PDB file of all heavy atoms in Angstrom:
ATOM      1  N   SER A   1     -16.832  -2.601   8.080  1.00  0.00           N
ATOM      2  CA  SER A   1     -17.718  -2.500   9.210  1.00  0.00           C
ATOM      3  C   SER A   1     -18.868  -1.505   8.983  1.00  0.00           C
ATOM      4  O   SER A   1     -19.938  -1.705   9.574  1.00  0.00           O
ATOM      5  CB  SER A   1     -16.929  -2.078  10.477  1.00  0.00           C
ATOM      6  OG  SER A   1     -16.400  -0.752  10.333  1.00  0.00           O
ATOM      7  N   GLU A   2     -18.636  -0.518   8.133  1.00  0.00           N
ATOM      8  CA  GLU A   2     -19.639   0.505   7.905  1.00  0.00           C
ATOM      9  C   GLU A   2     -20.464   0.345   6.639  1.00  0.00           C
ATOM     10  O   GLU A   2     -21.398   1.079   6.390  1.00  0.00           O
ATOM     11  CB  GLU A   2     -19.010   1.906   7.887  1.00  0.00           C
ATOM     12  CG  GLU A   2     -18.263   2.286   9.128  1.00  0.00           C
ATOM     13  CD  GLU A   2     -17.547   3.597   9.046  1.00  0.00           C
ATOM     14  OE1 GLU A   2     -17.863   4.343   8.068  1.00  0.00           O
ATOM     15  OE2 GLU A   2     -16.691   3.911   9.919  1.00  0.00           O
ATOM     16  N   SER A   3     -20.153  -0.721   5.833  1.00  0.00           N
ATOM     17  CA  SER A   3     -20.825  -0.899   4.612  1.00  0.00           C
ATOM     18  C   SER A   3     -22.230  -1.449   4.768  1.00  0.00           C
ATOM     19  O   SER A   3     -22.559  -2.157   5.761  1.00  0.00           O
ATOM     20  CB  SER A   3     -20.019  -1.851   3.679  1.00  0.00           C
ATOM     21  OG  SER A   3     -19.956  -3.132   4.236  1.00  0.00           O
ATOM     22  N   THR A   4     -23.092  -1.129   3.818  1.00  0.00           N
ATOM     23  CA  THR A   4     -24.471  -1.662   3.781  1.00  0.00           C
ATOM     24  C   THR A   4     -24.423  -2.875   2.870  1.00  0.00           C
ATOM     25  O   THR A   4     -23.361  -3.309   2.378  1.00  0.00           O
ATOM     26  CB  THR A   4     -25.431  -0.628   3.206  1.00  0.00           C
ATOM     27  OG1 THR A   4     -25.039  -0.315   1.874  1.00  0.00           O
ATOM     28  CG2 THR A   4     -25.382   0.627   4.031  1.00  0.00           C
ATOM     29  N   SER A   5     -25.575  -3.413   2.591  1.00  0.00           N
ATOM     30  CA  SER A   5     -25.654  -4.587   1.722  1.00  0.00           C
ATOM     31  C   SER A   5     -25.191  -4.295   0.318  1.00  0.00           C
ATOM     32  O   SER A   5     -24.718  -5.196  -0.420  1.00  0.00           O
ATOM     33  CB  SER A   5     -27.067  -5.187   1.723  1.00  0.00           C
ATOM     34  OG  SER A   5     -27.964  -4.206   1.222  1.00  0.00           O
ATOM     35  N   SER A   6     -25.312  -3.059  -0.107  1.00  0.00           N
ATOM     36  CA  SER A   6     -24.831  -2.691  -1.453  1.00  0.00           C
ATOM     37  C   SER A   6     -24.033  -1.407  -1.320  1.00  0.00           C
ATOM     38  O   SER A   6     -24.539  -0.303  -1.033  1.00  0.00           O
ATOM     39  CB  SER A   6     -26.018  -2.441  -2.402  1.00  0.00           C
ATOM     40  OG  SER A   6     -25.582  -2.123  -3.683  1.00  0.00           O
ATOM     41  N   SER A   7     -22.737  -1.528  -1.507  1.00  0.00           N
ATOM     42  CA  SER A   7     -21.789  -0.378  -1.386  1.00  0.00           C
ATOM     43  C   SER A   7     -20.784  -0.481  -2.515  1.00  0.00           C
ATOM     44  O   SER A   7     -20.730  -1.418  -3.278  1.00  0.00           O
ATOM     45  CB  SER A   7     -21.086  -0.389  -0.037  1.00  0.00           C
ATOM     46  OG  SER A   7     -21.976  -0.366   1.028  1.00  0.00           O
ATOM     47  N   ALA A   8     -19.928   0.586  -2.606  1.00  0.00           N
ATOM     48  CA  ALA A   8     -18.804   0.547  -3.538  1.00  0.00           C
ATOM     49  C   ALA A   8     -17.670   1.399  -2.941  1.00  0.00           C
ATOM     50  O   ALA A   8     -17.868   2.259  -2.096  1.00  0.00           O
ATOM     51  CB  ALA A   8     -19.241   1.195  -4.877  1.00  0.00           C
ATOM     52  N   LEU A   9     -16.426   1.017  -3.368  1.00  0.00           N
ATOM     53  CA  LEU A   9     -15.196   1.717  -2.910  1.00  0.00           C
ATOM     54  C   LEU A   9     -14.504   2.362  -4.067  1.00  0.00           C
ATOM     55  O   LEU A   9     -14.281   1.718  -5.096  1.00  0.00           O
ATOM     56  CB  LEU A   9     -14.248   0.732  -2.225  1.00  0.00           C
ATOM     57  CG  LEU A   9     -12.871   1.242  -1.910  1.00  0.00           C
ATOM     58  CD1 LEU A   9     -12.923   2.217  -0.692  1.00  0.00           C
ATOM     59  CD2 LEU A   9     -11.905   0.127  -1.579  1.00  0.00           C
ATOM     60  N   ILE A  10     -14.130   3.621  -3.879  1.00  0.00           N
ATOM     61  CA  ILE A  10     -13.255   4.316  -4.833  1.00  0.00           C
ATOM     62  C   ILE A  10     -11.960   4.609  -4.125  1.00  0.00           C
ATOM     63  O   ILE A  10     -11.964   5.131  -2.996  1.00  0.00           O
ATOM     64  CB  ILE A  10     -13.902   5.636  -5.318  1.00  0.00           C
ATOM     65  CG1 ILE A  10     -15.178   5.373  -6.060  1.00  0.00           C
ATOM     66  CG2 ILE A  10     -12.932   6.409  -6.220  1.00  0.00           C
ATOM     67  CD1 ILE A  10     -16.055   6.612  -6.256  1.00  0.00           C
ATOM     68  N   THR A  11     -10.842   4.304  -4.806  1.00  0.00           N
ATOM     69  CA  THR A  11      -9.500   4.649  -4.257  1.00  0.00           C
ATOM     70  C   THR A  11      -8.912   5.683  -5.217  1.00  0.00           C
ATOM     71  O   THR A  11      -8.873   5.477  -6.439  1.00  0.00           O
ATOM     72  CB  THR A  11      -8.579   3.426  -4.154  1.00  0.00           C
ATOM     73  OG1 THR A  11      -9.255   2.404  -3.398  1.00  0.00           O
ATOM     74  CG2 THR A  11      -7.280   3.788  -3.532  1.00  0.00           C
ATOM     75  N   THR A  12      -8.345   6.744  -4.683  1.00  0.00           N
ATOM     76  CA  THR A  12      -7.694   7.793  -5.478  1.00  0.00           C
ATOM     77  C   THR A  12      -6.555   8.366  -4.658  1.00  0.00           C
ATOM     78  O   THR A  12      -6.250   7.911  -3.567  1.00  0.00           O
ATOM     79  CB  THR A  12      -8.715   8.895  -5.915  1.00  0.00           C
ATOM     80  OG1 THR A  12      -8.090   9.705  -6.900  1.00  0.00           O
ATOM     81  CG2 THR A  12      -9.190   9.713  -4.742  1.00  0.00           C
ATOM     82  N   ALA A  13      -5.865   9.354  -5.229  1.00  0.00           N
ATOM     83  CA  ALA A  13      -4.705   9.948  -4.545  1.00  0.00           C
ATOM     84  C   ALA A  13      -4.520  11.371  -4.925  1.00  0.00           C
ATOM     85  O   ALA A  13      -4.894  11.830  -6.006  1.00  0.00           O
ATOM     86  CB  ALA A  13      -3.437   9.141  -4.896  1.00  0.00           C
ATOM     87  N   GLU A  14      -3.984  12.146  -4.008  1.00  0.00           N
ATOM     88  CA  GLU A  14      -3.667  13.526  -4.240  1.00  0.00           C
ATOM     89  C   GLU A  14      -2.298  13.643  -4.900  1.00  0.00           C
ATOM     90  O   GLU A  14      -1.410  12.774  -4.707  1.00  0.00           O
ATOM     91  CB  GLU A  14      -3.655  14.325  -2.937  1.00  0.00           C
ATOM     92  CG  GLU A  14      -5.029  14.355  -2.249  1.00  0.00           C
ATOM     93  CD  GLU A  14      -4.987  15.051  -0.900  1.00  0.00           C
ATOM     94  OE1 GLU A  14      -3.896  15.236  -0.346  1.00  0.00           O
ATOM     95  OE2 GLU A  14      -6.097  15.397  -0.372  1.00  0.00           O
ATOM     96  N   GLY A  15      -2.067  14.723  -5.632  1.00  0.00           N
ATOM     97  CA  GLY A  15      -0.750  15.004  -6.124  1.00  0.00           C
ATOM     98  C   GLY A  15      -0.418  14.303  -7.435  1.00  0.00           C
ATOM     99  O   GLY A  15      -1.272  13.776  -8.146  1.00  0.00           O
ATOM    100  N   LYS A  16       0.855  14.305  -7.809  1.00  0.00           N
ATOM    101  CA  LYS A  16       1.362  13.854  -9.090  1.00  0.00           C
ATOM    102  C   LYS A  16       1.307  12.333  -9.214  1.00  0.00           C
ATOM    103  O   LYS A  16       1.250  11.810 -10.335  1.00  0.00           O
ATOM    104  CB  LYS A  16       2.767  14.339  -9.308  1.00  0.00           C
ATOM    105  CG  LYS A  16       3.403  13.948 -10.609  1.00  0.00           C
ATOM    106  CD  LYS A  16       4.873  14.505 -10.716  1.00  0.00           C
ATOM    107  CE  LYS A  16       5.560  14.060 -11.969  1.00  0.00           C
ATOM    108  NZ  LYS A  16       6.948  14.572 -12.072  1.00  0.00           N
ATOM    109  N   TYR A  17       1.348  11.629  -8.084  1.00  0.00           N
ATOM    110  CA  TYR A  17       1.474  10.174  -8.089  1.00  0.00           C
ATOM    111  C   TYR A  17       0.212   9.562  -7.493  1.00  0.00           C
ATOM    112  O   TYR A  17      -0.243  10.024  -6.462  1.00  0.00           O
ATOM    113  CB  TYR A  17       2.720   9.691  -7.338  1.00  0.00           C
ATOM    114  CG  TYR A  17       4.021  10.093  -7.977  1.00  0.00           C
ATOM    115  CD1 TYR A  17       4.645  11.276  -7.660  1.00  0.00           C
ATOM    116  CD2 TYR A  17       4.626   9.221  -8.854  1.00  0.00           C
ATOM    117  CE1 TYR A  17       5.865  11.589  -8.241  1.00  0.00           C
ATOM    118  CE2 TYR A  17       5.867   9.508  -9.444  1.00  0.00           C
ATOM    119  CZ  TYR A  17       6.438  10.736  -9.154  1.00  0.00           C
ATOM    120  OH  TYR A  17       7.652  11.098  -9.730  1.00  0.00           O
ATOM    121  N   PHE A  18      -0.223   8.453  -8.063  1.00  0.00           N
ATOM    122  CA  PHE A  18      -1.150   7.583  -7.396  1.00  0.00           C
ATOM    123  C   PHE A  18      -0.355   6.778  -6.352  1.00  0.00           C
ATOM    124  O   PHE A  18      -0.662   6.815  -5.170  1.00  0.00           O
ATOM    125  CB  PHE A  18      -1.820   6.633  -8.406  1.00  0.00           C
ATOM    126  CG  PHE A  18      -2.864   5.789  -7.811  1.00  0.00           C
ATOM    127  CD1 PHE A  18      -4.197   6.191  -7.741  1.00  0.00           C
ATOM    128  CD2 PHE A  18      -2.611   4.484  -7.325  1.00  0.00           C
ATOM    129  CE1 PHE A  18      -5.206   5.424  -7.141  1.00  0.00           C
ATOM    130  CE2 PHE A  18      -3.579   3.742  -6.719  1.00  0.00           C
ATOM    131  CZ  PHE A  18      -4.886   4.200  -6.616  1.00  0.00           C
ATOM    132  N   SER A  19       0.660   6.059  -6.818  1.00  0.00           N
ATOM    133  CA  SER A  19       1.669   5.405  -5.906  1.00  0.00           C
ATOM    134  C   SER A  19       2.867   5.075  -6.733  1.00  0.00           C
ATOM    135  O   SER A  19       2.766   4.425  -7.818  1.00  0.00           O
ATOM    136  CB  SER A  19       1.080   4.182  -5.253  1.00  0.00           C
ATOM    137  OG  SER A  19       2.138   3.502  -4.553  1.00  0.00           O
ATOM    138  N   ASN A  20       4.039   5.432  -6.230  1.00  0.00           N
ATOM    139  CA  ASN A  20       5.253   5.120  -6.939  1.00  0.00           C
ATOM    140  C   ASN A  20       5.899   3.827  -6.512  1.00  0.00           C
ATOM    141  O   ASN A  20       7.119   3.623  -6.643  1.00  0.00           O
ATOM    142  CB  ASN A  20       6.293   6.325  -6.744  1.00  0.00           C
ATOM    143  CG  ASN A  20       7.264   6.426  -7.870  1.00  0.00           C
ATOM    144  OD1 ASN A  20       7.050   5.857  -8.987  1.00  0.00           O
ATOM    145  ND2 ASN A  20       8.351   7.143  -7.667  1.00  0.00           N
ATOM    146  N   GLY A  21       5.101   2.928  -5.890  1.00  0.00           N
ATOM    147  CA  GLY A  21       5.600   1.577  -5.553  1.00  0.00           C
ATOM    148  C   GLY A  21       6.132   1.468  -4.126  1.00  0.00           C
ATOM    149  O   GLY A  21       5.884   2.339  -3.285  1.00  0.00           O
ATOM    150  N   TYR A  22       6.866   0.434  -3.933  1.00  0.00           N
ATOM    151  CA  TYR A  22       7.462   0.134  -2.619  1.00  0.00           C
ATOM    152  C   TYR A  22       8.394   1.308  -2.197  1.00  0.00           C
ATOM    153  O   TYR A  22       8.989   1.984  -3.035  1.00  0.00           O
ATOM    154  CB  TYR A  22       8.324  -1.121  -2.643  1.00  0.00           C
ATOM    155  CG  TYR A  22       7.575  -2.411  -2.542  1.00  0.00           C
ATOM    156  CD1 TYR A  22       7.999  -3.541  -3.264  1.00  0.00           C
ATOM    157  CD2 TYR A  22       6.460  -2.561  -1.659  1.00  0.00           C
ATOM    158  CE1 TYR A  22       7.341  -4.773  -3.169  1.00  0.00           C
ATOM    159  CE2 TYR A  22       5.863  -3.782  -1.567  1.00  0.00           C
ATOM    160  CZ  TYR A  22       6.280  -4.871  -2.293  1.00  0.00           C
ATOM    161  OH  TYR A  22       5.654  -6.105  -2.149  1.00  0.00           O
ATOM    162  N   ASP A  23       8.521   1.482  -0.879  1.00  0.00           N
ATOM    163  CA  ASP A  23       9.478   2.389  -0.351  1.00  0.00           C
ATOM    164  C   ASP A  23      10.820   1.693  -0.270  1.00  0.00           C
ATOM    165  O   ASP A  23      11.233   1.144   0.734  1.00  0.00           O
ATOM    166  CB  ASP A  23       9.084   2.871   1.053  1.00  0.00           C
ATOM    167  CG  ASP A  23       9.927   3.967   1.615  1.00  0.00           C
ATOM    168  OD1 ASP A  23      11.040   4.180   1.096  1.00  0.00           O
ATOM    169  OD2 ASP A  23       9.517   4.616   2.610  1.00  0.00           O
ATOM    170  N   LEU A  24      11.537   1.685  -1.438  1.00  0.00           N
ATOM    171  CA  LEU A  24      12.820   0.918  -1.538  1.00  0.00           C
ATOM    172  C   LEU A  24      13.916   1.494  -0.675  1.00  0.00           C
ATOM    173  O   LEU A  24      14.746   0.751  -0.192  1.00  0.00           O
ATOM    174  CB  LEU A  24      13.218   0.846  -3.010  1.00  0.00           C
ATOM    175  CG  LEU A  24      12.260   0.061  -3.965  1.00  0.00           C
ATOM    176  CD1 LEU A  24      12.767   0.127  -5.372  1.00  0.00           C
ATOM    177  CD2 LEU A  24      12.180  -1.386  -3.482  1.00  0.00           C
ATOM    178  N   LYS A  25      13.957   2.833  -0.547  1.00  0.00           N
ATOM    179  CA  LYS A  25      14.978   3.443   0.296  1.00  0.00           C
ATOM    180  C   LYS A  25      14.894   2.885   1.717  1.00  0.00           C
ATOM    181  O   LYS A  25      15.949   2.573   2.307  1.00  0.00           O
ATOM    182  CB  LYS A  25      14.802   4.945   0.320  1.00  0.00           C
ATOM    183  CG  LYS A  25      15.917   5.691   1.060  1.00  0.00           C
ATOM    184  CD  LYS A  25      15.735   7.195   0.973  1.00  0.00           C
ATOM    185  CE  LYS A  25      16.831   7.931   1.719  1.00  0.00           C
ATOM    186  NZ  LYS A  25      16.689   9.386   1.643  1.00  0.00           N
ATOM    187  N   TRP A  26      13.715   2.703   2.224  1.00  0.00           N
ATOM    188  CA  TRP A  26      13.519   2.152   3.588  1.00  0.00           C
ATOM    189  C   TRP A  26      13.776   0.651   3.534  1.00  0.00           C
ATOM    190  O   TRP A  26      14.428   0.124   4.459  1.00  0.00           O
ATOM    191  CB  TRP A  26      12.104   2.481   4.054  1.00  0.00           C
ATOM    192  CG  TRP A  26      11.792   1.854   5.396  1.00  0.00           C
ATOM    193  CD1 TRP A  26      12.010   2.430   6.609  1.00  0.00           C
ATOM    194  CD2 TRP A  26      11.165   0.570   5.627  1.00  0.00           C
ATOM    195  NE1 TRP A  26      11.573   1.604   7.623  1.00  0.00           N
ATOM    196  CE2 TRP A  26      11.058   0.473   7.045  1.00  0.00           C
ATOM    197  CE3 TRP A  26      10.701  -0.414   4.796  1.00  0.00           C
ATOM    198  CZ2 TRP A  26      10.488  -0.674   7.654  1.00  0.00           C
ATOM    199  CZ3 TRP A  26      10.155  -1.568   5.412  1.00  0.00           C
ATOM    200  CH2 TRP A  26      10.056  -1.659   6.826  1.00  0.00           C
ATOM    201  N   ALA A  27      13.258  -0.041   2.530  1.00  0.00           N
ATOM    202  CA  ALA A  27      13.267  -1.484   2.565  1.00  0.00           C
ATOM    203  C   ALA A  27      14.659  -2.123   2.305  1.00  0.00           C
ATOM    204  O   ALA A  27      14.960  -3.201   2.883  1.00  0.00           O
ATOM    205  CB  ALA A  27      12.275  -2.038   1.532  1.00  0.00           C
ATOM    206  N   LEU A  28      15.523  -1.491   1.496  1.00  0.00           N
ATOM    207  CA  LEU A  28      16.724  -2.103   1.071  1.00  0.00           C
ATOM    208  C   LEU A  28      17.787  -2.122   2.188  1.00  0.00           C
ATOM    209  O   LEU A  28      18.893  -2.612   1.981  1.00  0.00           O
ATOM    210  CB  LEU A  28      17.253  -1.490  -0.176  1.00  0.00           C
ATOM    211  CG  LEU A  28      16.438  -1.701  -1.459  1.00  0.00           C
ATOM    212  CD1 LEU A  28      16.990  -0.989  -2.633  1.00  0.00           C
ATOM    213  CD2 LEU A  28      16.304  -3.182  -1.749  1.00  0.00           C
ATOM    214  N   VAL A  29      17.482  -1.578   3.342  1.00  0.00           N
ATOM    215  CA  VAL A  29      18.422  -1.627   4.447  1.00  0.00           C
ATOM    216  C   VAL A  29      18.687  -3.045   4.891  1.00  0.00           C
ATOM    217  O   VAL A  29      19.820  -3.433   5.198  1.00  0.00           O
ATOM    218  CB  VAL A  29      17.829  -0.799   5.689  1.00  0.00           C
ATOM    219  CG1 VAL A  29      18.717  -1.019   6.925  1.00  0.00           C
ATOM    220  CG2 VAL A  29      17.805   0.692   5.289  1.00  0.00           C
ATOM    221  N   ASP A  30      17.645  -3.931   4.944  1.00  0.00           N
ATOM    222  CA  ASP A  30      17.850  -5.352   5.253  1.00  0.00           C
ATOM    223  C   ASP A  30      16.671  -6.163   4.732  1.00  0.00           C
ATOM    224  O   ASP A  30      15.609  -5.641   4.402  1.00  0.00           O
ATOM    225  CB  ASP A  30      18.064  -5.585   6.741  1.00  0.00           C
ATOM    226  CG  ASP A  30      16.878  -5.171   7.577  1.00  0.00           C
ATOM    227  OD1 ASP A  30      15.756  -5.676   7.303  1.00  0.00           O
ATOM    228  OD2 ASP A  30      17.037  -4.341   8.510  1.00  0.00           O
ATOM    229  N   ILE A  31      16.897  -7.486   4.641  1.00  0.00           N
ATOM    230  CA  ILE A  31      15.901  -8.354   4.050  1.00  0.00           C
ATOM    231  C   ILE A  31      14.641  -8.440   4.895  1.00  0.00           C
ATOM    232  O   ILE A  31      13.524  -8.651   4.374  1.00  0.00           O
ATOM    233  CB  ILE A  31      16.541  -9.767   3.856  1.00  0.00           C
ATOM    234  CG1 ILE A  31      15.588 -10.636   2.919  1.00  0.00           C
ATOM    235  CG2 ILE A  31      16.800 -10.451   5.160  1.00  0.00           C
ATOM    236  CD1 ILE A  31      15.434 -10.146   1.527  1.00  0.00           C
ATOM    237  N   ALA A  32      14.748  -8.302   6.225  1.00  0.00           N
ATOM    238  CA  ALA A  32      13.565  -8.362   7.081  1.00  0.00           C
ATOM    239  C   ALA A  32      12.574  -7.268   6.699  1.00  0.00           C
ATOM    240  O   ALA A  32      11.380  -7.478   6.757  1.00  0.00           O
ATOM    241  CB  ALA A  32      13.982  -8.276   8.545  1.00  0.00           C
ATOM    242  N   ARG A  33      13.103  -6.090   6.339  1.00  0.00           N
ATOM    243  CA  ARG A  33      12.180  -4.987   5.996  1.00  0.00           C
ATOM    244  C   ARG A  33      11.498  -5.326   4.677  1.00  0.00           C
ATOM    245  O   ARG A  33      10.293  -5.004   4.517  1.00  0.00           O
ATOM    246  CB  ARG A  33      12.959  -3.687   5.874  1.00  0.00           C
ATOM    247  CG  ARG A  33      13.422  -3.065   7.193  1.00  0.00           C
ATOM    248  CD  ARG A  33      14.018  -1.710   7.020  1.00  0.00           C
ATOM    249  NE  ARG A  33      14.339  -1.061   8.251  1.00  0.00           N
ATOM    250  CZ  ARG A  33      14.731   0.197   8.409  1.00  0.00           C
ATOM    251  NH1 ARG A  33      14.806   0.984   7.299  1.00  0.00           N
ATOM    252  NH2 ARG A  33      14.993   0.719   9.583  1.00  0.00           N
ATOM    253  N   GLN A  34      12.254  -5.919   3.733  1.00  0.00           N
ATOM    254  CA  GLN A  34      11.635  -6.275   2.454  1.00  0.00           C
ATOM    255  C   GLN A  34      10.536  -7.324   2.642  1.00  0.00           C
ATOM    256  O   GLN A  34       9.442  -7.253   2.038  1.00  0.00           O
ATOM    257  CB  GLN A  34      12.692  -6.804   1.535  1.00  0.00           C
ATOM    258  CG  GLN A  34      13.770  -5.756   1.169  1.00  0.00           C
ATOM    259  CD  GLN A  34      14.947  -6.399   0.482  1.00  0.00           C
ATOM    260  OE1 GLN A  34      14.833  -7.183  -0.438  1.00  0.00           O
ATOM    261  NE2 GLN A  34      16.171  -6.047   0.949  1.00  0.00           N
ATOM    262  N   GLN A  35      10.804  -8.271   3.523  1.00  0.00           N
ATOM    263  CA  GLN A  35       9.792  -9.307   3.748  1.00  0.00           C
ATOM    264  C   GLN A  35       8.559  -8.714   4.463  1.00  0.00           C
ATOM    265  O   GLN A  35       7.401  -9.056   4.100  1.00  0.00           O
ATOM    266  CB  GLN A  35      10.372 -10.429   4.637  1.00  0.00           C
ATOM    267  CG  GLN A  35      11.454 -11.228   3.920  1.00  0.00           C
ATOM    268  CD  GLN A  35      12.158 -12.210   4.813  1.00  0.00           C
ATOM    269  OE1 GLN A  35      12.066 -12.130   6.089  1.00  0.00           O
ATOM    270  NE2 GLN A  35      12.847 -13.157   4.239  1.00  0.00           N
ATOM    271  N   LEU A  36       8.740  -7.819   5.382  1.00  0.00           N
ATOM    272  CA  LEU A  36       7.630  -7.168   6.091  1.00  0.00           C
ATOM    273  C   LEU A  36       6.773  -6.391   5.095  1.00  0.00           C
ATOM    274  O   LEU A  36       5.540  -6.501   5.079  1.00  0.00           O
ATOM    275  CB  LEU A  36       8.134  -6.222   7.135  1.00  0.00           C
ATOM    276  CG  LEU A  36       7.086  -5.407   7.863  1.00  0.00           C
ATOM    277  CD1 LEU A  36       6.130  -6.327   8.689  1.00  0.00           C
ATOM    278  CD2 LEU A  36       7.741  -4.372   8.794  1.00  0.00           C
ATOM    279  N   MET A  37       7.380  -5.624   4.236  1.00  0.00           N
ATOM    280  CA  MET A  37       6.659  -4.816   3.258  1.00  0.00           C
ATOM    281  C   MET A  37       5.895  -5.677   2.267  1.00  0.00           C
ATOM    282  O   MET A  37       4.714  -5.401   1.962  1.00  0.00           O
ATOM    283  CB  MET A  37       7.659  -3.898   2.527  1.00  0.00           C
ATOM    284  CG  MET A  37       7.001  -2.746   1.780  1.00  0.00           C
ATOM    285  SD  MET A  37       8.207  -1.420   1.381  1.00  0.00           S
ATOM    286  CE  MET A  37       9.411  -2.381   0.508  1.00  0.00           C
ATOM    287  N   SER A  38       6.557  -6.734   1.830  1.00  0.00           N
ATOM    288  CA  SER A  38       5.870  -7.667   0.908  1.00  0.00           C
ATOM    289  C   SER A  38       4.681  -8.316   1.551  1.00  0.00           C
ATOM    290  O   SER A  38       3.590  -8.428   0.939  1.00  0.00           O
ATOM    291  CB  SER A  38       6.851  -8.764   0.421  1.00  0.00           C
ATOM    292  OG  SER A  38       6.170  -9.765  -0.294  1.00  0.00           O
ATOM    293  N   ARG A  39       4.817  -8.791   2.805  1.00  0.00           N
ATOM    294  CA  ARG A  39       3.664  -9.432   3.447  1.00  0.00           C
ATOM    295  C   ARG A  39       2.489  -8.503   3.651  1.00  0.00           C
ATOM    296  O   ARG A  39       1.374  -8.850   3.469  1.00  0.00           O
ATOM    297  CB  ARG A  39       4.117  -9.982   4.845  1.00  0.00           C
ATOM    298  CG  ARG A  39       4.946 -11.219   4.733  1.00  0.00           C
ATOM    299  CD  ARG A  39       5.103 -11.869   6.082  1.00  0.00           C
ATOM    300  NE  ARG A  39       5.954 -13.072   6.040  1.00  0.00           N
ATOM    301  CZ  ARG A  39       6.168 -13.834   7.074  1.00  0.00           C
ATOM    302  NH1 ARG A  39       5.708 -13.510   8.264  1.00  0.00           N
ATOM    303  NH2 ARG A  39       6.937 -14.929   6.951  1.00  0.00           N
ATOM    304  N   LYS A  40       2.798  -7.263   4.057  1.00  0.00           N
ATOM    305  CA  LYS A  40       1.746  -6.285   4.226  1.00  0.00           C
ATOM    306  C   LYS A  40       1.038  -5.997   2.941  1.00  0.00           C
ATOM    307  O   LYS A  40      -0.173  -5.868   2.933  1.00  0.00           O
ATOM    308  CB  LYS A  40       2.306  -5.025   4.912  1.00  0.00           C
ATOM    309  CG  LYS A  40       2.630  -5.226   6.399  1.00  0.00           C
ATOM    310  CD  LYS A  40       3.090  -3.902   7.025  1.00  0.00           C
ATOM    311  CE  LYS A  40       3.375  -4.070   8.479  1.00  0.00           C
ATOM    312  NZ  LYS A  40       2.143  -4.264   9.261  1.00  0.00           N
ATOM    313  N   LEU A  41       1.779  -5.865   1.872  1.00  0.00           N
ATOM    314  CA  LEU A  41       1.119  -5.614   0.592  1.00  0.00           C
ATOM    315  C   LEU A  41       0.250  -6.779   0.138  1.00  0.00           C
ATOM    316  O   LEU A  41      -0.859  -6.638  -0.333  1.00  0.00           O
ATOM    317  CB  LEU A  41       2.131  -5.267  -0.528  1.00  0.00           C
ATOM    318  CG  LEU A  41       1.521  -4.975  -1.917  1.00  0.00           C
ATOM    319  CD1 LEU A  41       0.586  -3.776  -1.836  1.00  0.00           C
ATOM    320  CD2 LEU A  41       2.581  -4.769  -2.939  1.00  0.00           C
ATOM    321  N   ARG A  42       0.790  -8.019   0.315  1.00  0.00           N
ATOM    322  CA  ARG A  42       0.007  -9.201  -0.052  1.00  0.00           C
ATOM    323  C   ARG A  42      -1.249  -9.291   0.793  1.00  0.00           C
ATOM    324  O   ARG A  42      -2.325  -9.710   0.228  1.00  0.00           O
ATOM    325  CB  ARG A  42       0.856 -10.451   0.062  1.00  0.00           C
ATOM    326  CG  ARG A  42       1.888 -10.589  -1.048  1.00  0.00           C
ATOM    327  CD  ARG A  42       2.691 -11.860  -0.926  1.00  0.00           C
ATOM    328  NE  ARG A  42       3.851 -11.659  -0.003  1.00  0.00           N
ATOM    329  CZ  ARG A  42       4.246 -12.510   0.906  1.00  0.00           C
ATOM    330  NH1 ARG A  42       3.554 -13.673   1.081  1.00  0.00           N
ATOM    331  NH2 ARG A  42       5.269 -12.279   1.665  1.00  0.00           N
TER     332      ARG A  42
END
């Protein structure tokens, strides 16, 4: 919404990790959580 006709995006992260992947501790409780997380990432 805020971009002009010519823009660029940089993604970075603070700390030791950029991203350590899915939150498996949360997701492995049930299959519905795994499906939700997968859909949101896709």
